[in-house]
C-alpha atoms as a PDB file:
ATOM      1  CA  MET A   1      59.160  99.440 156.402  1.00  0.00           C
ATOM      2  CA  ARG A   2      58.086 103.088 156.584  1.00  0.00           C
ATOM      3  CA  GLY A   3      60.981 104.127 154.357  1.00  0.00           C
ATOM      4  CA  LEU A   4      60.198 101.507 151.736  1.00  0.00           C
ATOM      5  CA  ASN A   5      56.539 102.456 151.707  1.00  0.00           C
ATOM      6  CA  ARG A   6      57.607 106.066 151.168  1.00  0.00           C
ATOM      7  CA  ILE A   7      59.772 105.040 148.215  1.00  0.00           C
ATOM      8  CA  LEU A   8      56.972 103.045 146.643  1.00  0.00           C
ATOM      9  CA  SER A   9      54.349 105.728 147.209  1.00  0.00           C
ATOM     10  CA  LEU A  10      56.479 108.142 145.198  1.00  0.00           C
ATOM     11  CA  LEU A  11      57.378 105.778 142.374  1.00  0.00           C
ATOM     12  CA  HIS A  12      56.134 106.072 138.846  1.00  0.00           C
ATOM     13  CA  GLN A  13      54.625 109.528 139.041  1.00  0.00           C
ATOM     14  CA  GLN A  14      54.527 111.343 135.722  1.00  0.00           C
ATOM     15  CA  THR A  15      57.907 110.839 134.093  1.00  0.00           C
ATOM     16  CA  ARG A  16      59.933 113.959 133.357  1.00  0.00           C
ATOM     17  CA  ARG A  17      61.262 114.473 129.875  1.00  0.00           C
ATOM     18  CA  TRP A  18      64.861 115.433 129.328  1.00  0.00           C
ATOM     19  CA  PRO A  19      66.855 116.540 126.277  1.00  0.00           C
ATOM     20  CA  ALA A  20      69.354 114.364 124.488  1.00  0.00           C
ATOM     21  CA  SER A  21      73.001 114.461 125.490  1.00  0.00           C
ATOM     22  CA  GLN A  22      75.054 117.262 123.996  1.00  0.00           C
ATOM     23  CA  GLY A  23      78.307 116.131 122.389  1.00  0.00           C
ATOM     24  CA  ASN A  24      80.254 114.026 124.877  1.00  0.00           C
ATOM     25  CA  GLN A  25      78.417 115.456 127.888  1.00  0.00           C
ATOM     26  CA  PRO A  26      75.536 113.198 129.022  1.00  0.00           C
ATOM     27  CA  TYR A  27      72.427 114.939 130.248  1.00  0.00           C
ATOM     28  CA  GLN A  28      71.743 114.190 133.909  1.00  0.00           C
ATOM     29  CA  ILE A  29      68.238 113.019 134.779  1.00  0.00           C
ATOM     30  CA  PRO A  30      66.782 115.099 137.639  1.00  0.00           C
ATOM     31  CA  LEU A  31      66.452 113.033 140.795  1.00  0.00           C
ATOM     32  CA  GLU A  32      62.847 112.342 141.753  1.00  0.00           C
ATOM     33  CA  PRO A  33      61.585 112.140 145.359  1.00  0.00           C
ATOM     34  CA  TRP A  34      61.616 108.321 145.202  1.00  0.00           C
ATOM     35  CA  HIS A  35      65.334 108.371 144.279  1.00  0.00           C
ATOM     36  CA  LEU A  36      66.007 110.574 147.289  1.00  0.00           C
ATOM     37  CA  SER A  37      63.942 108.391 149.610  1.00  0.00           C
ATOM     38  CA  PHE A  38      65.914 105.332 148.520  1.00  0.00           C
ATOM     39  CA  ILE A  39      69.166 107.195 149.219  1.00  0.00           C
ATOM     40  CA  ASP A  40      67.872 108.227 152.652  1.00  0.00           C
ATOM     41  CA  ASP A  41      67.210 104.582 153.520  1.00  0.00           C
ATOM     42  CA  LEU A  42      70.499 103.411 152.021  1.00  0.00           C
ATOM     43  CA  LEU A  43      72.512 105.805 154.168  1.00  0.00           C
ATOM     44  CA  LEU A  44      70.607 104.753 157.289  1.00  0.00           C
ATOM     45  CA  LYS A  45      71.167 101.044 156.707  1.00  0.00           C
ATOM     46  CA  VAL A  46      74.613 100.816 155.094  1.00  0.00           C
ATOM     47  CA  PRO A  47      77.795 102.566 156.316  1.00  0.00           C
ATOM     48  CA  LEU A  48      79.441 104.125 153.247  1.00  0.00           C
ATOM     49  CA  LYS A  49      81.960 106.648 154.562  1.00  0.00           C
ATOM     50  CA  ASN A  50      85.511 105.703 153.517  1.00  0.00           C
ATOM     51  CA  ARG A  51      84.168 102.664 151.669  1.00  0.00           C
ATOM     52  CA  VAL A  52      84.405 101.354 148.109  1.00  0.00           C
ATOM     53  CA  VAL A  53      80.867 100.822 146.817  1.00  0.00           C
ATOM     54  CA  LEU A  54      79.164  99.214 143.800  1.00  0.00           C
ATOM     55  CA  ASP A  55      76.081 100.833 142.203  1.00  0.00           C
ATOM     56  CA  ILE A  56      74.222  98.141 140.226  1.00  0.00           C
ATOM     57  CA  GLY A  57      72.256  99.517 137.279  1.00  0.00           C
ATOM     58  CA  CYS A  58      73.582 103.039 137.699  1.00  0.00           C
ATOM     59  CA  GLY A  59      72.328 104.522 134.411  1.00  0.00           C
ATOM     60  CA  ARG A  60      74.055 107.889 134.031  1.00  0.00           C
ATOM     61  CA  GLY A  61      75.093 107.865 137.680  1.00  0.00           C
ATOM     62  CA  GLU A  62      72.609 110.310 139.188  1.00  0.00           C
ATOM     63  CA  VAL A  63      72.053 108.291 142.386  1.00  0.00           C
ATOM     64  CA  ALA A  64      75.799 107.693 142.734  1.00  0.00           C
ATOM     65  CA  ARG A  65      76.518 111.425 142.486  1.00  0.00           C
ATOM     66  CA  GLU A  66      73.983 112.204 145.198  1.00  0.00           C
ATOM     67  CA  VAL A  67      75.465 109.503 147.419  1.00  0.00           C
ATOM     68  CA  ILE A  68      78.918 111.031 146.911  1.00  0.00           C
ATOM     69  CA  ARG A  69      77.582 114.531 147.588  1.00  0.00           C
ATOM     70  CA  ARG A  70      76.080 113.435 150.902  1.00  0.00           C
ATOM     71  CA  VAL A  71      78.783 111.045 152.112  1.00  0.00           C
ATOM     72  CA  GLY A  72      81.870 112.813 150.798  1.00  0.00           C
ATOM     73  CA  GLU A  73      84.613 110.270 151.506  1.00  0.00           C
ATOM     74  CA  VAL A  74      83.330 107.379 149.392  1.00  0.00           C
ATOM     75  CA  VAL A  75      84.369 105.785 146.094  1.00  0.00           C
ATOM     76  CA  VAL A  76      81.563 104.505 143.847  1.00  0.00           C
ATOM     77  CA  ASN A  77      81.861 102.189 140.854  1.00  0.00           C
ATOM     78  CA  GLY A  78      78.667 102.224 138.802  1.00  0.00           C
ATOM     79  CA  ILE A  79      77.791  99.468 136.345  1.00  0.00           C
ATOM     80  CA  ASP A  80      75.088  99.284 133.703  1.00  0.00           C
ATOM     81  CA  SER A  81      74.626  97.263 130.530  1.00  0.00           C
ATOM     82  CA  ASP A  82      73.013 100.336 128.941  1.00  0.00           C
ATOM     83  CA  LEU A  83      74.821 103.576 129.707  1.00  0.00           C
ATOM     84  CA  CYS A  84      72.036 105.776 128.330  1.00  0.00           C
ATOM     85  CA  GLY A  85      74.209 107.974 126.153  1.00  0.00           C
ATOM     86  CA  LEU A  86      77.558 107.505 127.881  1.00  0.00           C
ATOM     87  CA  ALA A  87      79.883 106.392 125.123  1.00  0.00           C
ATOM     88  CA  ASP A  88      82.857 104.412 126.363  1.00  0.00           C
ATOM     89  CA  THR A  89      83.400 101.173 128.247  1.00  0.00           C
ATOM     90  CA  LYS A  90      84.635 103.242 131.158  1.00  0.00           C
ATOM     91  CA  ALA A  91      82.461 106.143 130.160  1.00  0.00           C
ATOM     92  CA  GLU A  92      83.144 108.423 133.053  1.00  0.00           C
ATOM     93  CA  LYS A  93      85.875 108.556 135.658  1.00  0.00           C
ATOM     94  CA  SER A  94      86.565 111.000 138.443  1.00  0.00           C
ATOM     95  CA  ASN A  95      88.195 110.814 141.849  1.00  0.00           C
ATOM     96  CA  ARG A  96      85.023 109.458 143.414  1.00  0.00           C
ATOM     97  CA  LEU A  97      82.974 107.918 140.577  1.00  0.00           C
ATOM     98  CA  THR A  98      83.728 105.533 137.739  1.00  0.00           C
ATOM     99  CA  ILE A  99      80.966 104.280 135.444  1.00  0.00           C
ATOM    100  CA  HIS A 100      81.481 101.030 133.546  1.00  0.00           C
ATOM    101  CA  ARG A 101      79.521  99.311 130.801  1.00  0.00           C
ATOM    102  CA  MET A 102      79.226  95.939 132.490  1.00  0.00           C
ATOM    103  CA  ASP A 103      76.764  93.127 133.179  1.00  0.00           C
ATOM    104  CA  VAL A 104      76.091  92.201 136.800  1.00  0.00           C
ATOM    105  CA  ASN A 105      76.407  88.528 135.856  1.00  0.00           C
ATOM    106  CA  SER A 106      79.980  89.027 134.666  1.00  0.00           C
ATOM    107  CA  LEU A 107      81.738  91.549 136.878  1.00  0.00           C
ATOM    108  CA  ALA A 108      85.294  92.511 135.933  1.00  0.00           C
ATOM    109  CA  PHE A 109      86.333  93.095 139.536  1.00  0.00           C
ATOM    110  CA  PRO A 110      88.509  90.949 141.810  1.00  0.00           C
ATOM    111  CA  ASP A 111      87.138  88.870 144.645  1.00  0.00           C
ATOM    112  CA  ALA A 112      86.264  90.706 147.880  1.00  0.00           C
ATOM    113  CA  HIS A 113      86.724  94.118 146.240  1.00  0.00           C
ATOM    114  CA  PHE A 114      83.713  96.103 147.534  1.00  0.00           C
ATOM    115  CA  ASP A 115      82.646  97.091 151.032  1.00  0.00           C
ATOM    116  CA  ALA A 116      79.000  97.520 150.007  1.00  0.00           C
ATOM    117  CA  ALA A 117      76.636  97.484 147.027  1.00  0.00           C
ATOM    118  CA  TYR A 118      73.208  98.924 146.266  1.00  0.00           C
ATOM    119  CA  SER A 119      70.597  98.885 143.531  1.00  0.00           C
ATOM    120  CA  LEU A 120      67.295 100.656 142.834  1.00  0.00           C
ATOM    121  CA  ASN A 121      64.625  99.153 140.569  1.00  0.00           C
ATOM    122  CA  VAL A 122      66.968  96.857 138.663  1.00  0.00           C
ATOM    123  CA  PHE A 123      66.529  93.327 140.023  1.00  0.00           C
ATOM    124  CA  GLU A 124      63.098  92.909 138.395  1.00  0.00           C
ATOM    125  CA  HIS A 125      64.955  93.146 135.071  1.00  0.00           C
ATOM    126  CA  ILE A 126      67.904  90.789 135.701  1.00  0.00           C
ATOM    127  CA  ASN A 127      67.217  87.544 133.874  1.00  0.00           C
ATOM    128  CA  ASP A 128      69.802  85.428 135.700  1.00  0.00           C
ATOM    129  CA  LEU A 129      69.191  86.330 139.331  1.00  0.00           C
ATOM    130  CA  GLU A 130      71.036  83.274 140.587  1.00  0.00           C
ATOM    131  CA  GLY A 131      74.150  84.300 138.658  1.00  0.00           C
ATOM    132  CA  ALA A 132      73.825  87.929 139.752  1.00  0.00           C
ATOM    133  CA  TYR A 133      73.719  87.051 143.445  1.00  0.00           C
ATOM    134  CA  ARG A 134      76.655  84.692 142.972  1.00  0.00           C
ATOM    135  CA  GLU A 135      78.757  87.417 141.343  1.00  0.00           C
ATOM    136  CA  LEU A 136      77.795  90.023 143.925  1.00  0.00           C
ATOM    137  CA  ARG A 137      78.720  87.698 146.752  1.00  0.00           C
ATOM    138  CA  ARG A 138      82.072  87.107 145.061  1.00  0.00           C
ATOM    139  CA  VAL A 139      83.001  90.794 144.752  1.00  0.00           C
ATOM    140  CA  LEU A 140      81.782  91.832 148.224  1.00  0.00           C
ATOM    141  CA  LYS A 141      84.106  91.589 151.193  1.00  0.00           C
ATOM    142  CA  PRO A 142      83.050  89.348 154.089  1.00  0.00           C
ATOM    143  CA  GLY A 143      80.592  91.377 156.133  1.00  0.00           C
ATOM    144  CA  GLY A 144      79.795  93.586 153.139  1.00  0.00           C
ATOM    145  CA  LEU A 145      76.168  94.675 152.729  1.00  0.00           C
ATOM    146  CA  LEU A 146      73.949  94.611 149.643  1.00  0.00           C
ATOM    147  CA  TYR A 147      70.880  96.866 149.804  1.00  0.00           C
ATOM    148  CA  LEU A 148      68.347  96.771 147.001  1.00  0.00           C
ATOM    149  CA  TYR A 149      64.825  97.820 146.215  1.00  0.00           C
ATOM    150  CA  SER A 150      62.956  96.232 143.302  1.00  0.00           C
ATOM    151  CA  SER A 151      59.552  97.341 141.977  1.00  0.00           C
ATOM    152  CA  PRO A 152      57.224  96.382 140.449  1.00  0.00           C
ATOM    153  CA  ILE A 153      58.033  92.676 140.572  1.00  0.00           C
ATOM    154  CA  TRP A 154      56.524  90.296 138.007  1.00  0.00           C
ATOM    155  CA  THR A 155      53.805  88.899 140.277  1.00  0.00           C
ATOM    156  CA  SER A 156      52.525  92.327 141.351  1.00  0.00           C
ATOM    157  CA  TYR A 157      49.347  93.769 139.843  1.00  0.00           C
ATOM    158  CA  ARG A 158      51.444  95.881 137.420  1.00  0.00           C
ATOM    159  CA  GLY A 159      54.361  93.498 136.991  1.00  0.00           C
ATOM    160  CA  HIS A 160      53.914  93.638 133.209  1.00  0.00           C
ATOM    161  CA  HIS A 161      55.633  97.094 133.275  1.00  0.00           C
ATOM    162  CA  PHE A 162      53.917  98.126 130.044  1.00  0.00           C
ATOM    163  CA  ASN A 163      53.704 101.942 130.262  1.00  0.00           C
ATOM    164  CA  HIS A 164      52.158 101.560 133.715  1.00  0.00           C
ATOM    165  CA  TRP A 165      53.450 104.988 134.786  1.00  0.00           C
ATOM    166  CA  LEU A 166      51.496 106.828 132.040  1.00  0.00           C
ATOM    167  CA  SER A 167      48.092 108.122 133.066  1.00  0.00           C
ATOM    168  CA  ASP A 168      46.324 106.991 129.886  1.00  0.00           C
ATOM    169  CA  TYR A 169      47.691 103.447 130.304  1.00  0.00           C
ATOM    170  CA  VAL A 170      46.822 102.924 133.977  1.00  0.00           C
ATOM    171  CA  ASP A 171      43.621 100.993 133.169  1.00  0.00           C
ATOM    172  CA  LEU A 172      44.894  99.348 130.001  1.00  0.00           C
ATOM    173  CA  ILE A 173      45.635  95.983 131.617  1.00  0.00           C
ATOM    174  CA  PRO A 174      43.479  94.723 134.506  1.00  0.00           C
ATOM    175  CA  PRO A 175      45.363  94.130 137.761  1.00  0.00           C
ATOM    176  CA  TRP A 176      47.389  90.917 137.328  1.00  0.00           C
ATOM    177  CA  GLY A 177      45.967  90.570 133.818  1.00  0.00           C
ATOM    178  CA  HIS A 178      49.369  89.498 132.503  1.00  0.00           C
ATOM    179  CA  LEU A 179      49.265  86.536 134.892  1.00  0.00           C
ATOM    180  CA  TYR A 180      45.742  85.174 134.502  1.00  0.00           C
ATOM    181  CA  LEU A 181      44.064  86.338 131.285  1.00  0.00           C
ATOM    182  CA  GLY A 182      46.101  84.310 128.836  1.00  0.00           C
ATOM    183  CA  LYS A 183      47.792  85.847 125.827  1.00  0.00           C
ATOM    184  CA  ALA A 184      44.787  85.745 123.477  1.00  0.00           C
ATOM    185  CA  ARG A 185      42.404  87.423 125.925  1.00  0.00           C
ATOM    186  CA  LEU A 186      45.025  89.944 126.979  1.00  0.00           C
ATOM    187  CA  PHE A 187      45.666  90.894 123.349  1.00  0.00           C
ATOM    188  CA  GLU A 188      41.920  91.385 122.815  1.00  0.00           C
ATOM    189  CA  GLU A 189      41.634  93.504 125.972  1.00  0.00           C
ATOM    190  CA  ILE A 190      44.452  95.825 124.924  1.00  0.00           C
ATOM    191  CA  ALA A 191      43.373  95.984 121.273  1.00  0.00           C
ATOM    192  CA  ARG A 192      39.837  96.957 122.295  1.00  0.00           C
ATOM    193  CA  LYS A 193      41.207  99.971 124.187  1.00  0.00           C
ATOM    194  CA  LYS A 194      44.283 101.003 122.190  1.00  0.00           C
ATOM    195  CA  GLY A 195      44.213  99.158 118.889  1.00  0.00           C
ATOM    196  CA  SER A 196      45.982  96.070 117.559  1.00  0.00           C
ATOM    197  CA  ALA A 197      49.353  97.786 117.016  1.00  0.00           C
ATOM    198  CA  VAL A 198      49.646  98.713 120.696  1.00  0.00           C
ATOM    199  CA  ALA A 199      48.392  95.256 121.637  1.00  0.00           C
ATOM    200  CA  ALA A 200      51.090  93.607 119.530  1.00  0.00           C
ATOM    201  CA  GLU A 201      53.752  95.874 121.036  1.00  0.00           C
ATOM    202  CA  ALA A 202      52.525  95.059 124.541  1.00  0.00           C
ATOM    203  CA  MET A 203      52.568  91.308 123.975  1.00  0.00           C
ATOM    204  CA  THR A 204      56.133  91.383 122.718  1.00  0.00           C
ATOM    205  CA  TYR A 205      57.250  93.644 125.544  1.00  0.00           C
ATOM    206  CA  ILE A 206      55.539  91.659 128.295  1.00  0.00           C
ATOM    207  CA  PHE A 207      56.200  88.081 127.215  1.00  0.00           C
ATOM    208  CA  GLU A 208      59.201  88.066 124.872  1.00  0.00           C
ATOM    209  CA  SER A 209      61.538  90.977 125.598  1.00  0.00           C
ATOM    210  CA  ASN A 210      64.654  90.680 127.753  1.00  0.00           C
ATOM    211  CA  TYR A 211      63.529  93.730 129.720  1.00  0.00           C
ATOM    212  CA  LEU A 212      61.676  91.666 132.347  1.00  0.00           C
ATOM    213  CA  ASN A 213      62.823  88.571 134.204  1.00  0.00           C
ATOM    214  CA  ARG A 214      59.275  87.293 134.853  1.00  0.00           C
ATOM    215  CA  THR A 215      60.378  85.981 138.249  1.00  0.00           C
ATOM    216  CA  SER A 216      57.817  85.475 140.988  1.00  0.00           C
ATOM    217  CA  LEU A 217      58.339  86.685 144.530  1.00  0.00           C
ATOM    218  CA  SER A 218      58.676  83.108 145.813  1.00  0.00           C
ATOM    219  CA  ALA A 219      61.244  82.230 143.140  1.00  0.00           C
ATOM    220  CA  HIS A 220      63.246  85.357 143.980  1.00  0.00           C
ATOM    221  CA  LYS A 221      63.208  84.385 147.644  1.00  0.00           C
ATOM    222  CA  LYS A 222      64.536  80.933 146.726  1.00  0.00           C
ATOM    223  CA  PHE A 223      67.448  82.485 144.790  1.00  0.00           C
ATOM    224  CA  VAL A 224      68.320  84.683 147.767  1.00  0.00           C
ATOM    225  CA  ARG A 225      68.190  81.819 150.251  1.00  0.00           C
ATOM    226  CA  GLU A 226      70.466  79.702 148.060  1.00  0.00           C
ATOM    227  CA  SER A 227      72.889  82.543 147.299  1.00  0.00           C
ATOM    228  CA  GLY A 228      74.984  82.262 150.453  1.00  0.00           C
ATOM    229  CA  PHE A 229      73.983  85.738 151.617  1.00  0.00           C
ATOM    230  CA  LYS A 230      72.588  86.250 155.100  1.00  0.00           C
ATOM    231  CA  ILE A 231      69.175  87.923 154.989  1.00  0.00           C
ATOM    232  CA  VAL A 232      69.281  90.901 157.353  1.00  0.00           C
ATOM    233  CA  GLU A 233      65.969  92.399 156.169  1.00  0.00           C
ATOM    234  CA  TRP A 234      63.320  91.130 153.758  1.00  0.00           C
ATOM    235  CA  THR A 235      60.431  93.530 153.236  1.00  0.00           C
ATOM    236  CA  GLY A 236      57.535  93.069 150.849  1.00  0.00           C
ATOM    237  CA  VAL A 237      55.644  96.323 150.292  1.00  0.00           C
ATOM    238  CA  THR A 238      51.965  96.337 149.370  1.00  0.00           C
ATOM    239  CA  THR A 239      50.539  99.395 147.653  1.00  0.00           C
ATOM    240  CA  PHE A 240      48.312 100.270 144.705  1.00  0.00           C
ATOM    241  CA  GLU A 241      49.409 103.272 142.665  1.00  0.00           C
ATOM    242  CA  SER A 242      46.873 105.229 140.596  1.00  0.00           C
ATOM    243  CA  ILE A 243      44.126 102.614 141.014  1.00  0.00           C
ATOM    244  CA  GLU A 244      41.713 101.647 143.741  1.00  0.00           C
ATOM    245  CA  ALA A 245      42.775  98.587 145.702  1.00  0.00           C
ATOM    246  CA  PRO A 246      41.107  95.516 144.160  1.00  0.00           C
ATOM    247  CA  SER A 247      38.499  93.781 146.281  1.00  0.00           C
ATOM    248  CA  ALA A 248      39.375  90.725 148.345  1.00  0.00           C
ATOM    249  CA  GLU A 249      37.014  88.719 146.122  1.00  0.00           C
ATOM    250  CA  TYR A 250      38.862  89.800 142.968  1.00  0.00           C
ATOM    251  CA  ILE A 251      42.247  88.961 144.497  1.00  0.00           C
ATOM    252  CA  GLN A 252      40.971  85.526 145.529  1.00  0.00           C
ATOM    253  CA  LYS A 253      39.826  84.883 141.951  1.00  0.00           C
ATOM    254  CA  VAL A 254      43.267  85.843 140.628  1.00  0.00           C
ATOM    255  CA  ALA A 255      44.897  83.615 143.241  1.00  0.00           C
ATOM    256  CA  HIS A 256      42.711  80.694 142.163  1.00  0.00           C
ATOM    257  CA  ALA A 257      43.484  81.290 138.476  1.00  0.00           C
ATOM    258  CA  THR A 258      47.248  81.650 138.932  1.00  0.00           C
ATOM    259  CA  GLY A 259      47.977  79.315 141.832  1.00  0.00           C
ATOM    260  CA  LEU A 260      49.687  82.192 143.661  1.00  0.00           C
ATOM    261  CA  SER A 261      48.713  83.198 147.184  1.00  0.00           C
ATOM    262  CA  PRO A 262      47.043  86.562 147.868  1.00  0.00           C
ATOM    263  CA  ASP A 263      50.034  87.444 150.042  1.00  0.00           C
ATOM    264  CA  GLU A 264      52.395  86.985 147.105  1.00  0.00           C
ATOM    265  CA  LEU A 265      50.152  88.737 144.600  1.00  0.00           C
ATOM    266  CA  THR A 266      49.772  91.860 146.714  1.00  0.00           C
ATOM    267  CA  VAL A 267      53.516  92.500 147.127  1.00  0.00           C
ATOM    268  CA  ASP A 268      54.449  95.226 144.666  1.00  0.00           C
ATOM    269  CA  GLY A 269      57.948  96.108 145.834  1.00  0.00           C
ATOM    270  CA  LEU A 270      60.711  94.079 147.437  1.00  0.00           C
ATOM    271  CA  GLY A 271      63.322  95.536 149.763  1.00  0.00           C
ATOM    272  CA  LEU A 272      66.370  93.460 150.718  1.00  0.00           C
ATOM    273  CA  LEU A 273      69.332  94.017 152.996  1.00  0.00           C
ATOM    274  CA  LEU A 274      71.806  91.153 152.653  1.00  0.00           C
ATOM    275  CA  GLU A 275      75.143  90.453 154.308  1.00  0.00           C
ATOM    276  CA  ARG A 276      78.027  88.673 152.611  1.00  0.00           C
ATOM    277  CA  VAL A 277      79.092  85.856 154.981  1.00  0.00           C
END
């Protein structure tokens, strides 16, 4: 729990900017403290030495490279549907790391191929969670572990994801506004602060784009329970980044308007350790 709280407390600080890739060499995003905290927890919970491991949503492979640097004798296969500037289907291959353009719902690996798998801040974006867990269970060996951290989930106060890490957008949408205001009122709220163009962009991003899965915490739990995985750890992390914690009265009003419990609404990040049985 302490480790997950540390990850979440470091998330979504001011985003660094990085230059575009040069030629065929992708630029590597500098690892932030919350990346490193996730890796610390991963290495405590999941044995990786001399294992074959899957990195789900690897981007350019920065987390995978740090895992390899720390563990040494490990082979990592990274997958991502958007390789962020890496060009080829198998965009990068070395002795320890191979990065593939691949969807987690359709993994081109044989059954029982991986000893372990991990993922950081990806599962809030996967639209077919049921299919993803089914595929991951297929490619993990019996006894293999899946460790993931997902934040912010749809039913959290900032589950809309719309520029929530930018300081001038922190107060743009009221906590849980995407869940209880209704689209017309939410559009008006955003337009009043940022103009109708930003409001239109936000509405498309929040309610229509494929970027978010719009899956509640309780629905995610149902998918996990039905996946065939054994739940080793299930940790919901409550925190409020860059805003004061809403009052109990406010949270109760949101709960009444949405039909969601205060306990569910106040979970911002989800940590899971699952075993393939």
